[in-house]
Amino acid sequence: KDKTATSFFWTGVTGSIAMTATGIWFWEPMIATDWLIMGCLCITGVTGHWLLIRCYEVAEASAVQPFAYLQLVFASIIGISVFGEDVRINVAIGAALIVAAGLFTFWRERQKS
Protein backbone atom coordinates (compact mmCIF):
# COMPACT_ATOMS: atom_id res chain seq x y z
CA LYS A 1 0.00 0.00 0.00
CA ASP A 2 3.04 2.27 0.14
CA LYS A 3 3.78 4.64 -2.69
CA THR A 4 6.73 4.03 -4.98
CA ALA A 5 8.76 6.84 -3.41
CA THR A 6 8.36 5.39 0.10
CA SER A 7 9.54 1.91 -0.88
CA PHE A 8 12.31 3.35 -3.02
CA PHE A 9 13.53 5.59 -0.20
CA TRP A 10 13.61 2.93 2.50
CA THR A 11 15.25 0.25 0.37
CA GLY A 12 17.88 2.78 -0.68
CA VAL A 13 18.58 3.98 2.87
CA THR A 14 18.69 0.47 4.31
CA GLY A 15 20.91 -0.79 1.49
CA SER A 16 23.33 2.14 1.72
CA ILE A 17 23.69 1.78 5.49
CA ALA A 18 24.26 -1.97 5.26
CA MET A 19 26.73 -1.72 2.38
CA THR A 20 28.63 1.17 3.99
CA ALA A 21 28.98 -0.74 7.25
CA THR A 22 30.22 -3.79 5.34
CA GLY A 23 32.19 -2.19 2.52
CA ILE A 24 34.09 0.47 4.43
CA TRP A 25 36.61 -2.18 5.51
CA PHE A 26 37.31 -3.19 1.91
CA TRP A 27 37.39 0.25 0.25
CA GLU A 28 39.87 0.78 -2.57
CA PRO A 29 40.23 3.99 -4.59
CA MET A 30 38.82 3.91 -8.10
CA ILE A 31 40.55 5.11 -11.26
CA ALA A 32 38.89 7.74 -13.45
CA THR A 33 37.34 5.32 -15.94
CA ASP A 34 35.80 3.34 -13.09
CA TRP A 35 33.91 6.44 -11.95
CA LEU A 36 32.23 6.66 -15.36
CA ILE A 37 31.27 2.98 -15.27
CA MET A 38 30.07 3.34 -11.67
CA GLY A 39 27.96 6.35 -12.64
CA CYS A 40 26.32 4.38 -15.45
CA LEU A 41 25.76 1.46 -13.09
CA CYS A 42 24.12 3.75 -10.54
CA ILE A 43 21.84 5.39 -13.09
CA THR A 44 20.68 2.11 -14.61
CA GLY A 45 20.32 0.49 -11.18
CA VAL A 46 18.24 3.35 -9.77
CA THR A 47 16.08 3.48 -12.88
CA GLY A 48 15.49 -0.27 -12.91
CA HIS A 49 14.68 -0.40 -9.21
CA TRP A 50 12.30 2.56 -9.45
CA LEU A 51 10.49 1.03 -12.43
CA LEU A 52 10.21 -2.36 -10.71
CA ILE A 53 8.67 -0.82 -7.59
CA ARG A 54 6.37 1.35 -9.73
CA CYS A 55 5.31 -1.69 -11.74
CA TYR A 56 4.26 -3.58 -8.61
CA GLU A 57 2.37 -0.48 -7.46
CA VAL A 58 0.16 -0.34 -10.54
CA ALA A 59 -0.18 -4.04 -11.43
CA GLU A 60 -0.80 -7.32 -9.67
CA ALA A 61 2.31 -9.34 -8.92
CA SER A 62 0.79 -12.42 -10.54
CA ALA A 63 0.50 -10.51 -13.82
CA VAL A 64 4.00 -9.03 -13.68
CA GLN A 65 6.11 -11.85 -12.29
CA PRO A 66 6.08 -14.09 -15.39
CA PHE A 67 7.85 -11.32 -17.28
CA ALA A 68 10.52 -11.16 -14.57
CA TYR A 69 11.44 -14.73 -15.46
CA LEU A 70 12.74 -13.39 -18.76
CA GLN A 71 15.80 -12.37 -16.73
CA LEU A 72 16.83 -16.02 -16.93
CA VAL A 73 16.69 -15.89 -20.71
CA PHE A 74 18.55 -12.60 -21.01
CA ALA A 75 21.21 -13.60 -18.46
CA SER A 76 21.76 -16.84 -20.37
CA ILE A 77 22.08 -15.01 -23.68
CA ILE A 78 24.59 -12.55 -22.20
CA GLY A 79 26.52 -15.36 -20.52
CA ILE A 80 26.75 -17.35 -23.73
CA SER A 81 27.45 -14.50 -26.16
CA VAL A 82 29.63 -12.20 -24.03
CA PHE A 83 31.36 -14.53 -21.60
CA GLY A 84 31.41 -17.74 -23.64
CA GLU A 85 29.67 -19.80 -20.97
CA ASP A 86 27.90 -23.08 -21.59
CA VAL A 87 24.40 -23.80 -20.34
CA ARG A 88 24.19 -27.32 -18.98
CA ILE A 89 21.10 -29.37 -19.69
CA ASN A 90 19.97 -29.48 -16.05
CA VAL A 91 20.13 -25.66 -15.87
CA ALA A 92 18.14 -25.31 -19.11
CA ILE A 93 15.49 -27.76 -17.88
CA GLY A 94 15.24 -25.98 -14.51
CA ALA A 95 14.93 -22.57 -16.15
CA ALA A 96 12.27 -23.86 -18.55
CA LEU A 97 10.35 -25.35 -15.63
CA ILE A 98 10.44 -22.04 -13.73
CA VAL A 99 9.34 -20.05 -16.76
CA ALA A 100 6.57 -22.56 -17.54
CA ALA A 101 5.29 -22.37 -13.95
CA GLY A 102 5.20 -18.59 -14.13
CA LEU A 103 3.37 -18.62 -17.44
CA PHE A 104 0.91 -21.20 -16.12
CA THR A 105 0.20 -18.98 -13.10
CA PHE A 106 -0.32 -16.01 -15.42
CA TRP A 107 -2.71 -18.04 -17.60
CA ARG A 108 -4.62 -19.40 -14.58
CA GLU A 109 -5.10 -15.92 -13.10
CA ARG A 110 -6.47 -14.70 -16.44
CA GLN A 111 -8.96 -17.61 -16.50
CA LYS A 112 -10.39 -16.57 -13.12
CA SER A 113 -11.15 -13.03 -14.31
C-alpha atoms as a PDB file:
ATOM      1  CA  LYS A   1       0.000   0.000   0.000  1.00  0.00           C
ATOM      2  CA  ASP A   2       3.041   2.268   0.137  1.00  0.00           C
ATOM      3  CA  LYS A   3       3.776   4.640  -2.690  1.00  0.00           C
ATOM      4  CA  THR A   4       6.728   4.031  -4.980  1.00  0.00           C
ATOM      5  CA  ALA A   5       8.756   6.835  -3.411  1.00  0.00           C
ATOM      6  CA  THR A   6       8.358   5.387   0.099  1.00  0.00           C
ATOM      7  CA  SER A   7       9.537   1.914  -0.876  1.00  0.00           C
ATOM      8  CA  PHE A   8      12.310   3.346  -3.021  1.00  0.00           C
ATOM      9  CA  PHE A   9      13.533   5.586  -0.202  1.00  0.00           C
ATOM     10  CA  TRP A  10      13.611   2.931   2.501  1.00  0.00           C
ATOM     11  CA  THR A  11      15.249   0.254   0.374  1.00  0.00           C
ATOM     12  CA  GLY A  12      17.881   2.779  -0.677  1.00  0.00           C
ATOM     13  CA  VAL A  13      18.580   3.983   2.870  1.00  0.00           C
ATOM     14  CA  THR A  14      18.690   0.472   4.305  1.00  0.00           C
ATOM     15  CA  GLY A  15      20.914  -0.793   1.492  1.00  0.00           C
ATOM     16  CA  SER A  16      23.329   2.136   1.721  1.00  0.00           C
ATOM     17  CA  ILE A  17      23.692   1.782   5.495  1.00  0.00           C
ATOM     18  CA  ALA A  18      24.256  -1.973   5.263  1.00  0.00           C
ATOM     19  CA  MET A  19      26.731  -1.715   2.380  1.00  0.00           C
ATOM     20  CA  THR A  20      28.632   1.168   3.988  1.00  0.00           C
ATOM     21  CA  ALA A  21      28.977  -0.745   7.246  1.00  0.00           C
ATOM     22  CA  THR A  22      30.216  -3.787   5.342  1.00  0.00           C
ATOM     23  CA  GLY A  23      32.188  -2.189   2.520  1.00  0.00           C
ATOM     24  CA  ILE A  24      34.094   0.473   4.434  1.00  0.00           C
ATOM     25  CA  TRP A  25      36.606  -2.176   5.509  1.00  0.00           C
ATOM     26  CA  PHE A  26      37.307  -3.186   1.908  1.00  0.00           C
ATOM     27  CA  TRP A  27      37.389   0.254   0.248  1.00  0.00           C
ATOM     28  CA  GLU A  28      39.869   0.779  -2.569  1.00  0.00           C
ATOM     29  CA  PRO A  29      40.227   3.992  -4.586  1.00  0.00           C
ATOM     30  CA  MET A  30      38.817   3.911  -8.103  1.00  0.00           C
ATOM     31  CA  ILE A  31      40.548   5.113 -11.261  1.00  0.00           C
ATOM     32  CA  ALA A  32      38.890   7.744 -13.454  1.00  0.00           C
ATOM     33  CA  THR A  33      37.338   5.316 -15.940  1.00  0.00           C
ATOM     34  CA  ASP A  34      35.805   3.342 -13.088  1.00  0.00           C
ATOM     35  CA  TRP A  35      33.908   6.443 -11.950  1.00  0.00           C
ATOM     36  CA  LEU A  36      32.226   6.659 -15.359  1.00  0.00           C
ATOM     37  CA  ILE A  37      31.272   2.982 -15.267  1.00  0.00           C
ATOM     38  CA  MET A  38      30.074   3.337 -11.669  1.00  0.00           C
ATOM     39  CA  GLY A  39      27.964   6.352 -12.642  1.00  0.00           C
ATOM     40  CA  CYS A  40      26.322   4.382 -15.450  1.00  0.00           C
ATOM     41  CA  LEU A  41      25.761   1.458 -13.094  1.00  0.00           C
ATOM     42  CA  CYS A  42      24.119   3.749 -10.535  1.00  0.00           C
ATOM     43  CA  ILE A  43      21.836   5.393 -13.085  1.00  0.00           C
ATOM     44  CA  THR A  44      20.683   2.106 -14.609  1.00  0.00           C
ATOM     45  CA  GLY A  45      20.318   0.495 -11.178  1.00  0.00           C
ATOM     46  CA  VAL A  46      18.242   3.351  -9.772  1.00  0.00           C
ATOM     47  CA  THR A  47      16.081   3.484 -12.885  1.00  0.00           C
ATOM     48  CA  GLY A  48      15.491  -0.270 -12.914  1.00  0.00           C
ATOM     49  CA  HIS A  49      14.680  -0.397  -9.208  1.00  0.00           C
ATOM     50  CA  TRP A  50      12.302   2.559  -9.452  1.00  0.00           C
ATOM     51  CA  LEU A  51      10.493   1.035 -12.431  1.00  0.00           C
ATOM     52  CA  LEU A  52      10.209  -2.356 -10.713  1.00  0.00           C
ATOM     53  CA  ILE A  53       8.667  -0.816  -7.594  1.00  0.00           C
ATOM     54  CA  ARG A  54       6.370   1.346  -9.727  1.00  0.00           C
ATOM     55  CA  CYS A  55       5.311  -1.687 -11.739  1.00  0.00           C
ATOM     56  CA  TYR A  56       4.265  -3.576  -8.609  1.00  0.00           C
ATOM     57  CA  GLU A  57       2.370  -0.481  -7.465  1.00  0.00           C
ATOM     58  CA  VAL A  58       0.163  -0.340 -10.541  1.00  0.00           C
ATOM     59  CA  ALA A  59      -0.175  -4.036 -11.431  1.00  0.00           C
ATOM     60  CA  GLU A  60      -0.803  -7.321  -9.672  1.00  0.00           C
ATOM     61  CA  ALA A  61       2.312  -9.337  -8.920  1.00  0.00           C
ATOM     62  CA  SER A  62       0.793 -12.421 -10.537  1.00  0.00           C
ATOM     63  CA  ALA A  63       0.500 -10.509 -13.819  1.00  0.00           C
ATOM     64  CA  VAL A  64       3.998  -9.028 -13.682  1.00  0.00           C
ATOM     65  CA  GLN A  65       6.110 -11.847 -12.290  1.00  0.00           C
ATOM     66  CA  PRO A  66       6.084 -14.094 -15.386  1.00  0.00           C
ATOM     67  CA  PHE A  67       7.854 -11.320 -17.282  1.00  0.00           C
ATOM     68  CA  ALA A  68      10.521 -11.161 -14.572  1.00  0.00           C
ATOM     69  CA  TYR A  69      11.440 -14.728 -15.464  1.00  0.00           C
ATOM     70  CA  LEU A  70      12.742 -13.394 -18.760  1.00  0.00           C
ATOM     71  CA  GLN A  71      15.796 -12.368 -16.732  1.00  0.00           C
ATOM     72  CA  LEU A  72      16.835 -16.020 -16.930  1.00  0.00           C
ATOM     73  CA  VAL A  73      16.692 -15.895 -20.710  1.00  0.00           C
ATOM     74  CA  PHE A  74      18.548 -12.596 -21.008  1.00  0.00           C
ATOM     75  CA  ALA A  75      21.205 -13.598 -18.461  1.00  0.00           C
ATOM     76  CA  SER A  76      21.757 -16.844 -20.367  1.00  0.00           C
ATOM     77  CA  ILE A  77      22.079 -15.010 -23.681  1.00  0.00           C
ATOM     78  CA  ILE A  78      24.586 -12.551 -22.197  1.00  0.00           C
ATOM     79  CA  GLY A  79      26.520 -15.357 -20.519  1.00  0.00           C
ATOM     80  CA  ILE A  80      26.754 -17.347 -23.734  1.00  0.00           C
ATOM     81  CA  SER A  81      27.448 -14.496 -26.158  1.00  0.00           C
ATOM     82  CA  VAL A  82      29.627 -12.197 -24.028  1.00  0.00           C
ATOM     83  CA  PHE A  83      31.360 -14.532 -21.597  1.00  0.00           C
ATOM     84  CA  GLY A  84      31.415 -17.740 -23.643  1.00  0.00           C
ATOM     85  CA  GLU A  85      29.674 -19.797 -20.973  1.00  0.00           C
ATOM     86  CA  ASP A  86      27.901 -23.078 -21.591  1.00  0.00           C
ATOM     87  CA  VAL A  87      24.397 -23.798 -20.340  1.00  0.00           C
ATOM     88  CA  ARG A  88      24.190 -27.315 -18.979  1.00  0.00           C
ATOM     89  CA  ILE A  89      21.098 -29.372 -19.694  1.00  0.00           C
ATOM     90  CA  ASN A  90      19.974 -29.480 -16.054  1.00  0.00           C
ATOM     91  CA  VAL A  91      20.134 -25.663 -15.871  1.00  0.00           C
ATOM     92  CA  ALA A  92      18.141 -25.310 -19.108  1.00  0.00           C
ATOM     93  CA  ILE A  93      15.493 -27.759 -17.879  1.00  0.00           C
ATOM     94  CA  GLY A  94      15.245 -25.984 -14.515  1.00  0.00           C
ATOM     95  CA  ALA A  95      14.932 -22.575 -16.152  1.00  0.00           C
ATOM     96  CA  ALA A  96      12.275 -23.863 -18.548  1.00  0.00           C
ATOM     97  CA  LEU A  97      10.352 -25.349 -15.627  1.00  0.00           C
ATOM     98  CA  ILE A  98      10.440 -22.042 -13.728  1.00  0.00           C
ATOM     99  CA  VAL A  99       9.336 -20.047 -16.761  1.00  0.00           C
ATOM    100  CA  ALA A 100       6.568 -22.559 -17.539  1.00  0.00           C
ATOM    101  CA  ALA A 101       5.290 -22.374 -13.947  1.00  0.00           C
ATOM    102  CA  GLY A 102       5.198 -18.587 -14.129  1.00  0.00           C
ATOM    103  CA  LEU A 103       3.369 -18.623 -17.445  1.00  0.00           C
ATOM    104  CA  PHE A 104       0.913 -21.203 -16.118  1.00  0.00           C
ATOM    105  CA  THR A 105       0.197 -18.976 -13.103  1.00  0.00           C
ATOM    106  CA  PHE A 106      -0.319 -16.011 -15.418  1.00  0.00           C
ATOM    107  CA  TRP A 107      -2.707 -18.042 -17.602  1.00  0.00           C
ATOM    108  CA  ARG A 108      -4.620 -19.399 -14.583  1.00  0.00           C
ATOM    109  CA  GLU A 109      -5.101 -15.918 -13.099  1.00  0.00           C
ATOM    110  CA  ARG A 110      -6.470 -14.698 -16.439  1.00  0.00           C
ATOM    111  CA  GLN A 111      -8.957 -17.613 -16.504  1.00  0.00           C
ATOM    112  CA  LYS A 112     -10.390 -16.570 -13.121  1.00  0.00           C
ATOM    113  CA  SER A 113     -11.147 -13.035 -14.312  1.00  0.00           C
END
